[in-house]
């Protein structure tokens, strides 16, 4: 091989080595930063003011209301139908996330949690040890009304015990990198809300903006704060529907979709959305009223910007 060609090949190999080395160094640096940041967020503790909320003794009405709150907020979706928890199916390299066993059975938190612990975890996304819960929809539960929160906790304390010891939550380096670098998904529930917001009352049940705002909170977990839809983690790129773009739908169409999972033409919704069959006509119409009012606000803001 001519000397000139050898020199060129040597230079190419040298620069390739430099580039590859730089990429490796950068990758190691990013990985180290993500790992340290994740550990910091994982071990961060939150101080939440003690609540004086009294949890009533359970009776048939309170338990029925509490069960309805569980169904409305789809607690069973993560904690299973019996609330014994389970471990999400994930690749081994990602790690493991296990929504808690909420019962008083073996491996459950029911016997260990005080009323204050229940309030702190549900409203604030904070565990008994002061650290953040993971993937708990705290934005939704932070706005839950007093009577619903009381009934929910009374119901959770009454569910039959289920023995189910779950592995601890663990996210390996690759899982941490994937969450941090490829999505906007914040799994640290306690970091997403204002912990100083006062506990509110449940609004009067009526077709009003106030009651519609209260009811629509359960929609925002999947459809986003503005209801414009968003990517759904762990569903292979599937996104939730932009509810604000359902211009051809009526309140009846919306109610059928929410309660039965059917589109106006009779087709099933593409995503396995929970069925809120427990919602009555007034509640459906209150949510629809809220959506229409938000559309008017958005249209008004768009006109003002022109």
C-alpha atoms as a PDB file:
ATOM      1  CA  UNK A   1       0.000   0.000   0.000  1.00  0.00           C
ATOM      2  CA  UNK A   2       1.418   3.429  -0.960  1.00  0.00           C
ATOM      3  CA  UNK A   3       2.590   5.583   1.925  1.00  0.00           C
ATOM      4  CA  UNK A   4       0.085   8.352   1.038  1.00  0.00           C
ATOM      5  CA  UNK A   5      -2.842   5.952   1.277  1.00  0.00           C
ATOM      6  CA  UNK A   6      -1.524   4.596   4.592  1.00  0.00           C
ATOM      7  CA  UNK A   7      -1.404   8.119   5.975  1.00  0.00           C
ATOM      8  CA  UNK A   8      -4.958   8.826   4.856  1.00  0.00           C
ATOM      9  CA  UNK A   9      -6.202   5.555   6.342  1.00  0.00           C
ATOM     10  CA  UNK A  10      -4.381   6.322   9.600  1.00  0.00           C
ATOM     11  CA  UNK A  11      -5.947   9.775   9.803  1.00  0.00           C
ATOM     12  CA  UNK A  12      -9.420   8.378   9.112  1.00  0.00           C
ATOM     13  CA  UNK A  13      -8.973   5.703  11.777  1.00  0.00           C
ATOM     14  CA  UNK A  14      -7.676   8.322  14.196  1.00  0.00           C
ATOM     15  CA  UNK A  15     -10.677  10.600  13.692  1.00  0.00           C
ATOM     16  CA  UNK A  16     -13.110   7.713  13.842  1.00  0.00           C
ATOM     17  CA  UNK A  17     -11.543   6.727  17.157  1.00  0.00           C
ATOM     18  CA  UNK A  18     -11.795  10.285  18.441  1.00  0.00           C
ATOM     19  CA  UNK A  19     -15.457  10.534  17.412  1.00  0.00           C
ATOM     20  CA  UNK A  20     -16.345   7.156  18.909  1.00  0.00           C
ATOM     21  CA  UNK A  21     -14.438   7.971  22.073  1.00  0.00           C
ATOM     22  CA  UNK A  22     -16.208  11.307  22.360  1.00  0.00           C
ATOM     23  CA  UNK A  23     -19.592   9.649  21.867  1.00  0.00           C
ATOM     24  CA  UNK A  24     -18.787   7.103  24.580  1.00  0.00           C
ATOM     25  CA  UNK A  25     -17.612   9.814  26.981  1.00  0.00           C
ATOM     26  CA  UNK A  26     -20.748  11.889  26.321  1.00  0.00           C
ATOM     27  CA  UNK A  27     -22.985   8.833  26.772  1.00  0.00           C
ATOM     28  CA  UNK A  28     -21.295   7.997  30.067  1.00  0.00           C
ATOM     29  CA  UNK A  29     -21.655  11.595  31.195  1.00  0.00           C
ATOM     30  CA  UNK A  30     -25.351  11.730  30.310  1.00  0.00           C
ATOM     31  CA  UNK A  31     -25.964   8.379  31.987  1.00  0.00           C
ATOM     32  CA  UNK A  32     -24.208   9.496  35.148  1.00  0.00           C
ATOM     33  CA  UNK A  33     -26.145  12.778  35.211  1.00  0.00           C
ATOM     34  CA  UNK A  34     -29.496  11.018  34.710  1.00  0.00           C
ATOM     35  CA  UNK A  35     -28.695   8.421  37.356  1.00  0.00           C
ATOM     36  CA  UNK A  36     -27.673  11.041  39.934  1.00  0.00           C
ATOM     37  CA  UNK A  37     -30.669  13.263  39.131  1.00  0.00           C
ATOM     38  CA  UNK A  38     -33.027  10.317  39.330  1.00  0.00           C
ATOM     39  CA  UNK A  39     -31.580   9.228  42.677  1.00  0.00           C
ATOM     40  CA  UNK A  40     -32.003  12.744  44.008  1.00  0.00           C
ATOM     41  CA  UNK A  41     -35.671  12.870  42.935  1.00  0.00           C
ATOM     42  CA  UNK A  42     -36.251   9.328  44.190  1.00  0.00           C
ATOM     43  CA  UNK A  43     -34.945  10.143  47.668  1.00  0.00           C
ATOM     44  CA  UNK A  44     -36.324  13.656  47.970  1.00  0.00           C
ATOM     45  CA  UNK A  45     -38.633  14.039  50.957  1.00  0.00           C
ATOM     46  CA  UNK A  46     -41.711  16.257  51.158  1.00  0.00           C
ATOM     47  CA  UNK A  47     -43.134  17.915  54.236  1.00  0.00           C
ATOM     48  CA  UNK A  48     -46.915  18.064  54.078  1.00  0.00           C
ATOM     49  CA  UNK A  49     -49.047  19.840  56.661  1.00  0.00           C
ATOM     50  CA  UNK A  50     -51.030  17.462  58.841  1.00  0.00           C
ATOM     51  CA  UNK A  51     -54.703  17.280  57.960  1.00  0.00           C
ATOM     52  CA  UNK A  52     -57.477  17.407  60.538  1.00  0.00           C
ATOM     53  CA  UNK A  53     -59.840  15.560  58.210  1.00  0.00           C
ATOM     54  CA  UNK A  54     -61.889  12.988  60.104  1.00  0.00           C
ATOM     55  CA  UNK A  55     -62.603   9.679  58.385  1.00  0.00           C
ATOM     56  CA  UNK A  56     -66.133   8.575  59.281  1.00  0.00           C
ATOM     57  CA  UNK A  57     -67.122   5.136  60.445  1.00  0.00           C
ATOM     58  CA  UNK A  58     -68.203   3.152  57.411  1.00  0.00           C
ATOM     59  CA  UNK A  59     -71.881   2.616  56.690  1.00  0.00           C
ATOM     60  CA  UNK A  60     -73.588   1.411  53.534  1.00  0.00           C
ATOM     61  CA  UNK A  61     -73.907   4.903  52.026  1.00  0.00           C
ATOM     62  CA  UNK A  62     -70.298   5.880  52.722  1.00  0.00           C
ATOM     63  CA  UNK A  63     -68.954   2.578  51.387  1.00  0.00           C
ATOM     64  CA  UNK A  64     -71.084   2.856  48.248  1.00  0.00           C
ATOM     65  CA  UNK A  65     -69.792   6.367  47.666  1.00  0.00           C
ATOM     66  CA  UNK A  66     -66.200   5.282  48.295  1.00  0.00           C
ATOM     67  CA  UNK A  67     -66.498   2.405  45.848  1.00  0.00           C
ATOM     68  CA  UNK A  68     -67.875   4.807  43.256  1.00  0.00           C
ATOM     69  CA  UNK A  69     -64.901   7.127  43.755  1.00  0.00           C
ATOM     70  CA  UNK A  70     -62.572   4.146  43.198  1.00  0.00           C
ATOM     71  CA  UNK A  71     -64.397   3.315  39.974  1.00  0.00           C
ATOM     72  CA  UNK A  72     -64.615   6.921  38.797  1.00  0.00           C
ATOM     73  CA  UNK A  73     -60.882   7.487  39.242  1.00  0.00           C
ATOM     74  CA  UNK A  74     -60.106   4.029  37.847  1.00  0.00           C
ATOM     75  CA  UNK A  75     -57.974   2.953  40.801  1.00  0.00           C
ATOM     76  CA  UNK A  76     -58.521  -0.645  39.675  1.00  0.00           C
ATOM     77  CA  UNK A  77     -56.594   0.053  36.481  1.00  0.00           C
ATOM     78  CA  UNK A  78     -53.295   0.038  38.387  1.00  0.00           C
ATOM     79  CA  UNK A  79     -54.142  -1.625  41.693  1.00  0.00           C
ATOM     80  CA  UNK A  80     -56.315  -4.420  40.170  1.00  0.00           C
ATOM     81  CA  UNK A  81     -59.980  -5.139  40.773  1.00  0.00           C
ATOM     82  CA  UNK A  82     -59.451  -6.373  44.340  1.00  0.00           C
ATOM     83  CA  UNK A  83     -56.904  -3.578  45.015  1.00  0.00           C
ATOM     84  CA  UNK A  84     -54.177  -6.122  45.832  1.00  0.00           C
ATOM     85  CA  UNK A  85     -51.753  -4.475  43.387  1.00  0.00           C
ATOM     86  CA  UNK A  86     -49.551  -6.107  40.779  1.00  0.00           C
ATOM     87  CA  UNK A  87     -46.293  -5.622  38.916  1.00  0.00           C
ATOM     88  CA  UNK A  88     -46.439  -4.003  35.485  1.00  0.00           C
ATOM     89  CA  UNK A  89     -45.069  -6.136  32.671  1.00  0.00           C
ATOM     90  CA  UNK A  90     -41.778  -4.533  31.629  1.00  0.00           C
ATOM     91  CA  UNK A  91     -38.542  -5.739  30.040  1.00  0.00           C
ATOM     92  CA  UNK A  92     -36.012  -6.856  32.637  1.00  0.00           C
ATOM     93  CA  UNK A  93     -33.545  -4.198  31.509  1.00  0.00           C
ATOM     94  CA  UNK A  94     -36.121  -1.479  32.288  1.00  0.00           C
ATOM     95  CA  UNK A  95     -36.829  -2.408  35.888  1.00  0.00           C
ATOM     96  CA  UNK A  96     -40.069  -3.004  37.777  1.00  0.00           C
ATOM     97  CA  UNK A  97     -42.967  -0.857  38.964  1.00  0.00           C
ATOM     98  CA  UNK A  98     -45.539  -2.324  41.322  1.00  0.00           C
ATOM     99  CA  UNK A  99     -48.660  -0.334  42.302  1.00  0.00           C
ATOM    100  CA  UNK A 100     -49.188  -1.094  45.981  1.00  0.00           C
ATOM    101  CA  UNK A 101     -51.383  -3.710  47.583  1.00  0.00           C
ATOM    102  CA  UNK A 102     -53.907  -1.383  49.224  1.00  0.00           C
ATOM    103  CA  UNK A 103     -55.552  -4.083  51.328  1.00  0.00           C
ATOM    104  CA  UNK A 104     -54.716  -5.259  54.835  1.00  0.00           C
ATOM    105  CA  UNK A 105     -53.524  -8.634  53.585  1.00  0.00           C
ATOM    106  CA  UNK A 106     -49.931  -9.873  53.641  1.00  0.00           C
ATOM    107  CA  UNK A 107     -47.787  -7.443  51.659  1.00  0.00           C
ATOM    108  CA  UNK A 108     -50.473  -4.739  51.823  1.00  0.00           C
ATOM    109  CA  UNK A 109     -50.368  -1.287  53.367  1.00  0.00           C
ATOM    110  CA  UNK A 110     -53.870  -1.414  54.855  1.00  0.00           C
ATOM    111  CA  UNK A 111     -52.815  -2.361  58.374  1.00  0.00           C
ATOM    112  CA  UNK A 112     -49.802  -0.057  58.440  1.00  0.00           C
ATOM    113  CA  UNK A 113     -51.400   3.123  57.104  1.00  0.00           C
ATOM    114  CA  UNK A 114     -52.994   5.655  59.433  1.00  0.00           C
ATOM    115  CA  UNK A 115     -55.685   8.066  58.264  1.00  0.00           C
ATOM    116  CA  UNK A 116     -52.962  10.708  57.906  1.00  0.00           C
ATOM    117  CA  UNK A 117     -50.926   8.344  55.714  1.00  0.00           C
ATOM    118  CA  UNK A 118     -53.914   7.721  53.439  1.00  0.00           C
ATOM    119  CA  UNK A 119     -54.609  11.450  53.116  1.00  0.00           C
ATOM    120  CA  UNK A 120     -50.953  12.239  52.426  1.00  0.00           C
ATOM    121  CA  UNK A 121     -50.579   9.567  49.767  1.00  0.00           C
ATOM    122  CA  UNK A 122     -53.872  10.204  47.968  1.00  0.00           C
ATOM    123  CA  UNK A 123     -53.949  14.009  47.989  1.00  0.00           C
ATOM    124  CA  UNK A 124     -50.220  14.694  47.893  1.00  0.00           C
ATOM    125  CA  UNK A 125     -48.586  11.644  46.314  1.00  0.00           C
ATOM    126  CA  UNK A 126     -46.324  11.302  49.362  1.00  0.00           C
ATOM    127  CA  UNK A 127     -45.553   7.973  51.031  1.00  0.00           C
ATOM    128  CA  UNK A 128     -45.531   7.399  54.774  1.00  0.00           C
ATOM    129  CA  UNK A 129     -41.736   7.932  54.761  1.00  0.00           C
ATOM    130  CA  UNK A 130     -42.090  11.324  53.071  1.00  0.00           C
ATOM    131  CA  UNK A 131     -40.826  10.244  49.641  1.00  0.00           C
ATOM    132  CA  UNK A 132     -42.802  10.561  46.433  1.00  0.00           C
ATOM    133  CA  UNK A 133     -45.092   7.869  45.135  1.00  0.00           C
ATOM    134  CA  UNK A 134     -44.374   6.813  41.567  1.00  0.00           C
ATOM    135  CA  UNK A 135     -46.882   7.152  38.705  1.00  0.00           C
ATOM    136  CA  UNK A 136     -49.749   8.069  41.048  1.00  0.00           C
ATOM    137  CA  UNK A 137     -52.149  10.530  39.287  1.00  0.00           C
ATOM    138  CA  UNK A 138     -51.720  13.091  42.038  1.00  0.00           C
ATOM    139  CA  UNK A 139     -52.841  16.013  39.859  1.00  0.00           C
ATOM    140  CA  UNK A 140     -56.241  14.355  39.736  1.00  0.00           C
ATOM    141  CA  UNK A 141     -56.506  13.392  43.399  1.00  0.00           C
ATOM    142  CA  UNK A 142     -55.169  16.694  44.725  1.00  0.00           C
ATOM    143  CA  UNK A 143     -58.466  18.256  43.616  1.00  0.00           C
ATOM    144  CA  UNK A 144     -60.730  15.621  45.147  1.00  0.00           C
ATOM    145  CA  UNK A 145     -63.460  17.048  47.392  1.00  0.00           C
ATOM    146  CA  UNK A 146     -63.713  16.520  51.132  1.00  0.00           C
ATOM    147  CA  UNK A 147     -66.716  14.167  51.126  1.00  0.00           C
ATOM    148  CA  UNK A 148     -65.312  12.028  48.314  1.00  0.00           C
ATOM    149  CA  UNK A 149     -61.912  11.764  50.002  1.00  0.00           C
ATOM    150  CA  UNK A 150     -63.514  10.733  53.293  1.00  0.00           C
ATOM    151  CA  UNK A 151     -65.624   8.070  51.574  1.00  0.00           C
ATOM    152  CA  UNK A 152     -62.687   6.834  49.507  1.00  0.00           C
ATOM    153  CA  UNK A 153     -60.463   6.292  52.546  1.00  0.00           C
ATOM    154  CA  UNK A 154     -63.289   4.691  54.531  1.00  0.00           C
ATOM    155  CA  UNK A 155     -63.844   2.288  51.624  1.00  0.00           C
ATOM    156  CA  UNK A 156     -60.141   1.461  51.194  1.00  0.00           C
ATOM    157  CA  UNK A 157     -59.892   0.630  54.893  1.00  0.00           C
ATOM    158  CA  UNK A 158     -62.824  -1.752  54.559  1.00  0.00           C
ATOM    159  CA  UNK A 159     -61.859  -3.826  51.510  1.00  0.00           C
ATOM    160  CA  UNK A 160     -61.233  -7.527  52.170  1.00  0.00           C
ATOM    161  CA  UNK A 161     -57.589  -8.449  52.788  1.00  0.00           C
ATOM    162  CA  UNK A 162     -55.651  -9.955  49.892  1.00  0.00           C
ATOM    163  CA  UNK A 163     -52.245 -11.554  50.387  1.00  0.00           C
ATOM    164  CA  UNK A 164     -49.909 -10.269  47.683  1.00  0.00           C
ATOM    165  CA  UNK A 165     -46.284  -9.435  48.409  1.00  0.00           C
ATOM    166  CA  UNK A 166     -44.906  -7.300  45.620  1.00  0.00           C
ATOM    167  CA  UNK A 167     -41.303  -6.571  44.626  1.00  0.00           C
ATOM    168  CA  UNK A 168     -40.042  -3.070  45.423  1.00  0.00           C
ATOM    169  CA  UNK A 169     -40.094  -0.434  42.711  1.00  0.00           C
ATOM    170  CA  UNK A 170     -36.812  -0.416  40.811  1.00  0.00           C
ATOM    171  CA  UNK A 171     -35.831   1.424  37.671  1.00  0.00           C
ATOM    172  CA  UNK A 172     -32.547   0.353  36.168  1.00  0.00           C
ATOM    173  CA  UNK A 173     -30.230   2.706  34.331  1.00  0.00           C
ATOM    174  CA  UNK A 174     -31.751   2.055  30.915  1.00  0.00           C
ATOM    175  CA  UNK A 175     -35.243   2.535  32.303  1.00  0.00           C
ATOM    176  CA  UNK A 176     -34.219   5.810  33.887  1.00  0.00           C
ATOM    177  CA  UNK A 177     -32.636   6.959  30.643  1.00  0.00           C
ATOM    178  CA  UNK A 178     -35.724   6.042  28.627  1.00  0.00           C
ATOM    179  CA  UNK A 179     -38.053   7.897  30.981  1.00  0.00           C
ATOM    180  CA  UNK A 180     -35.821  10.960  31.235  1.00  0.00           C
ATOM    181  CA  UNK A 181     -34.650  11.296  27.630  1.00  0.00           C
ATOM    182  CA  UNK A 182     -37.459   9.952  25.462  1.00  0.00           C
ATOM    183  CA  UNK A 183     -40.656  11.157  27.171  1.00  0.00           C
ATOM    184  CA  UNK A 184     -42.117  14.067  29.098  1.00  0.00           C
ATOM    185  CA  UNK A 185     -43.545  11.634  31.625  1.00  0.00           C
ATOM    186  CA  UNK A 186     -42.815  12.723  35.185  1.00  0.00           C
ATOM    187  CA  UNK A 187     -43.176   9.630  37.398  1.00  0.00           C
ATOM    188  CA  UNK A 188     -42.539  11.518  40.650  1.00  0.00           C
ATOM    189  CA  UNK A 189     -46.099  12.229  41.678  1.00  0.00           C
ATOM    190  CA  UNK A 190     -45.386  14.551  44.601  1.00  0.00           C
ATOM    191  CA  UNK A 191     -43.363  16.924  42.428  1.00  0.00           C
ATOM    192  CA  UNK A 192     -46.289  17.801  40.161  1.00  0.00           C
ATOM    193  CA  UNK A 193     -48.671  19.678  42.456  1.00  0.00           C
ATOM    194  CA  UNK A 194     -48.957  22.600  44.847  1.00  0.00           C
ATOM    195  CA  UNK A 195     -49.137  20.974  48.281  1.00  0.00           C
ATOM    196  CA  UNK A 196     -50.605  24.116  49.826  1.00  0.00           C
ATOM    197  CA  UNK A 197     -53.930  23.901  47.968  1.00  0.00           C
ATOM    198  CA  UNK A 198     -56.722  23.663  50.517  1.00  0.00           C
ATOM    199  CA  UNK A 199     -59.080  20.720  50.562  1.00  0.00           C
ATOM    200  CA  UNK A 200     -62.277  21.781  48.797  1.00  0.00           C
ATOM    201  CA  UNK A 201     -65.889  20.712  49.114  1.00  0.00           C
ATOM    202  CA  UNK A 202     -67.588  18.643  46.425  1.00  0.00           C
ATOM    203  CA  UNK A 203     -69.595  21.127  44.315  1.00  0.00           C
ATOM    204  CA  UNK A 204     -73.367  20.898  44.109  1.00  0.00           C
ATOM    205  CA  UNK A 205     -74.390  18.361  41.495  1.00  0.00           C
ATOM    206  CA  UNK A 206     -75.692  20.446  38.601  1.00  0.00           C
ATOM    207  CA  UNK A 207     -74.922  21.304  34.982  1.00  0.00           C
ATOM    208  CA  UNK A 208     -72.561  24.103  35.917  1.00  0.00           C
ATOM    209  CA  UNK A 209     -68.982  24.999  35.125  1.00  0.00           C
ATOM    210  CA  UNK A 210     -68.014  24.363  38.748  1.00  0.00           C
ATOM    211  CA  UNK A 211     -69.371  20.828  38.851  1.00  0.00           C
ATOM    212  CA  UNK A 212     -68.158  20.086  35.313  1.00  0.00           C
ATOM    213  CA  UNK A 213     -64.662  21.207  36.301  1.00  0.00           C
ATOM    214  CA  UNK A 214     -64.766  18.854  39.266  1.00  0.00           C
ATOM    215  CA  UNK A 215     -65.986  15.872  37.255  1.00  0.00           C
ATOM    216  CA  UNK A 216     -63.623  16.346  34.319  1.00  0.00           C
ATOM    217  CA  UNK A 217     -60.524  15.852  36.492  1.00  0.00           C
ATOM    218  CA  UNK A 218     -60.724  12.110  35.948  1.00  0.00           C
ATOM    219  CA  UNK A 219     -60.486  12.688  32.165  1.00  0.00           C
ATOM    220  CA  UNK A 220     -57.336  14.778  32.391  1.00  0.00           C
ATOM    221  CA  UNK A 221     -55.092  11.955  33.570  1.00  0.00           C
ATOM    222  CA  UNK A 222     -55.102  10.468  30.063  1.00  0.00           C
ATOM    223  CA  UNK A 223     -56.308  13.332  27.872  1.00  0.00           C
ATOM    224  CA  UNK A 224     -54.079  16.023  29.375  1.00  0.00           C
ATOM    225  CA  UNK A 225     -54.771  19.136  31.398  1.00  0.00           C
ATOM    226  CA  UNK A 226     -56.151  20.934  28.317  1.00  0.00           C
ATOM    227  CA  UNK A 227     -57.956  17.785  27.041  1.00  0.00           C
ATOM    228  CA  UNK A 228     -56.047  17.993  23.741  1.00  0.00           C
ATOM    229  CA  UNK A 229     -54.803  14.417  24.094  1.00  0.00           C
ATOM    230  CA  UNK A 230     -51.302  13.207  24.842  1.00  0.00           C
ATOM    231  CA  UNK A 231     -49.039  10.171  24.370  1.00  0.00           C
ATOM    232  CA  UNK A 232     -49.924   7.287  26.645  1.00  0.00           C
ATOM    233  CA  UNK A 233     -46.852   5.728  28.214  1.00  0.00           C
ATOM    234  CA  UNK A 234     -46.344   2.040  27.565  1.00  0.00           C
ATOM    235  CA  UNK A 235     -48.867   1.798  24.745  1.00  0.00           C
ATOM    236  CA  UNK A 236     -46.526   1.686  21.724  1.00  0.00           C
ATOM    237  CA  UNK A 237     -46.965   5.272  20.637  1.00  0.00           C
ATOM    238  CA  UNK A 238     -50.756   5.440  21.072  1.00  0.00           C
ATOM    239  CA  UNK A 239     -52.127   8.838  22.084  1.00  0.00           C
ATOM    240  CA  UNK A 240     -55.383   9.732  23.782  1.00  0.00           C
ATOM    241  CA  UNK A 241     -58.077  11.553  21.813  1.00  0.00           C
ATOM    242  CA  UNK A 242     -58.202  15.322  21.529  1.00  0.00           C
ATOM    243  CA  UNK A 243     -61.583  15.796  23.202  1.00  0.00           C
ATOM    244  CA  UNK A 244     -61.629  19.469  22.256  1.00  0.00           C
ATOM    245  CA  UNK A 245     -61.708  18.503  18.563  1.00  0.00           C
ATOM    246  CA  UNK A 246     -64.922  16.450  18.718  1.00  0.00           C
ATOM    247  CA  UNK A 247     -66.848  19.177  16.887  1.00  0.00           C
ATOM    248  CA  UNK A 248     -69.398  16.872  15.281  1.00  0.00           C
ATOM    249  CA  UNK A 249     -70.293  15.086  18.506  1.00  0.00           C
ATOM    250  CA  UNK A 250     -73.327  15.770  20.668  1.00  0.00           C
ATOM    251  CA  UNK A 251     -73.663  15.339  24.415  1.00  0.00           C
ATOM    252  CA  UNK A 252     -75.414  12.036  23.696  1.00  0.00           C
ATOM    253  CA  UNK A 253     -72.485  10.897  21.514  1.00  0.00           C
ATOM    254  CA  UNK A 254     -70.049  11.852  24.251  1.00  0.00           C
ATOM    255  CA  UNK A 255     -72.048  10.002  26.887  1.00  0.00           C
ATOM    256  CA  UNK A 256     -72.158   6.862  24.761  1.00  0.00           C
ATOM    257  CA  UNK A 257     -68.399   6.974  24.225  1.00  0.00           C
ATOM    258  CA  UNK A 258     -67.672   7.491  27.914  1.00  0.00           C
ATOM    259  CA  UNK A 259     -70.099   4.890  29.229  1.00  0.00           C
ATOM    260  CA  UNK A 260     -70.033   2.280  26.449  1.00  0.00           C
ATOM    261  CA  UNK A 261     -66.790   2.933  24.553  1.00  0.00           C
ATOM    262  CA  UNK A 262     -68.630   3.467  21.271  1.00  0.00           C
ATOM    263  CA  UNK A 263     -68.232   6.158  18.648  1.00  0.00           C
ATOM    264  CA  UNK A 264     -71.266   7.926  17.115  1.00  0.00           C
ATOM    265  CA  UNK A 265     -71.160   5.473  14.160  1.00  0.00           C
ATOM    266  CA  UNK A 266     -71.181   2.471  16.494  1.00  0.00           C
ATOM    267  CA  UNK A 267     -67.503   1.571  16.150  1.00  0.00           C
ATOM    268  CA  UNK A 268     -65.537   0.791  19.281  1.00  0.00           C
ATOM    269  CA  UNK A 269     -62.957   3.251  20.525  1.00  0.00           C
ATOM    270  CA  UNK A 270     -59.477   2.230  19.395  1.00  0.00           C
ATOM    271  CA  UNK A 271     -57.897   2.534  22.830  1.00  0.00           C
ATOM    272  CA  UNK A 272     -59.129   0.345  25.662  1.00  0.00           C
ATOM    273  CA  UNK A 273     -60.578   3.282  27.570  1.00  0.00           C
ATOM    274  CA  UNK A 274     -62.249   2.521  30.901  1.00  0.00           C
ATOM    275  CA  UNK A 275     -66.042   2.446  30.790  1.00  0.00           C
ATOM    276  CA  UNK A 276     -67.610   4.941  33.174  1.00  0.00           C
ATOM    277  CA  UNK A 277     -71.034   3.314  33.159  1.00  0.00           C
ATOM    278  CA  UNK A 278     -71.730   4.715  36.640  1.00  0.00           C
ATOM    279  CA  UNK A 279     -72.049   8.290  35.342  1.00  0.00           C
ATOM    280  CA  UNK A 280     -75.620   9.569  35.083  1.00  0.00           C
ATOM    281  CA  UNK A 281     -77.015  11.990  32.509  1.00  0.00           C
ATOM    282  CA  UNK A 282     -76.487  15.038  34.700  1.00  0.00           C
ATOM    283  CA  UNK A 283     -72.806  14.195  35.256  1.00  0.00           C
ATOM    284  CA  UNK A 284     -72.251  13.535  31.540  1.00  0.00           C
ATOM    285  CA  UNK A 285     -73.914  16.826  30.645  1.00  0.00           C
ATOM    286  CA  UNK A 286     -71.891  18.712  33.249  1.00  0.00           C
ATOM    287  CA  UNK A 287     -68.637  17.400  31.742  1.00  0.00           C
ATOM    288  CA  UNK A 288     -69.880  18.204  28.229  1.00  0.00           C
ATOM    289  CA  UNK A 289     -70.859  21.699  29.370  1.00  0.00           C
ATOM    290  CA  UNK A 290     -67.327  22.210  30.699  1.00  0.00           C
ATOM    291  CA  UNK A 291     -65.856  21.074  27.354  1.00  0.00           C
ATOM    292  CA  UNK A 292     -68.075  23.469  25.373  1.00  0.00           C
ATOM    293  CA  UNK A 293     -67.168  26.370  27.659  1.00  0.00           C
ATOM    294  CA  UNK A 294     -63.462  25.615  27.222  1.00  0.00           C
ATOM    295  CA  UNK A 295     -63.922  25.594  23.457  1.00  0.00           C
ATOM    296  CA  UNK A 296     -65.461  29.071  23.643  1.00  0.00           C
ATOM    297  CA  UNK A 297     -62.521  30.292  25.722  1.00  0.00           C
ATOM    298  CA  UNK A 298     -60.035  28.797  23.266  1.00  0.00           C
ATOM    299  CA  UNK A 299     -61.843  30.331  20.298  1.00  0.00           C
ATOM    300  CA  UNK A 300     -61.940  33.691  22.047  1.00  0.00           C
ATOM    301  CA  UNK A 301     -58.219  33.518  22.797  1.00  0.00           C
ATOM    302  CA  UNK A 302     -57.519  32.599  19.174  1.00  0.00           C
ATOM    303  CA  UNK A 303     -59.558  35.527  17.870  1.00  0.00           C
ATOM    304  CA  UNK A 304     -57.812  37.941  20.238  1.00  0.00           C
ATOM    305  CA  UNK A 305     -54.429  36.790  18.966  1.00  0.00           C
ATOM    306  CA  UNK A 306     -55.272  37.588  15.324  1.00  0.00           C
END
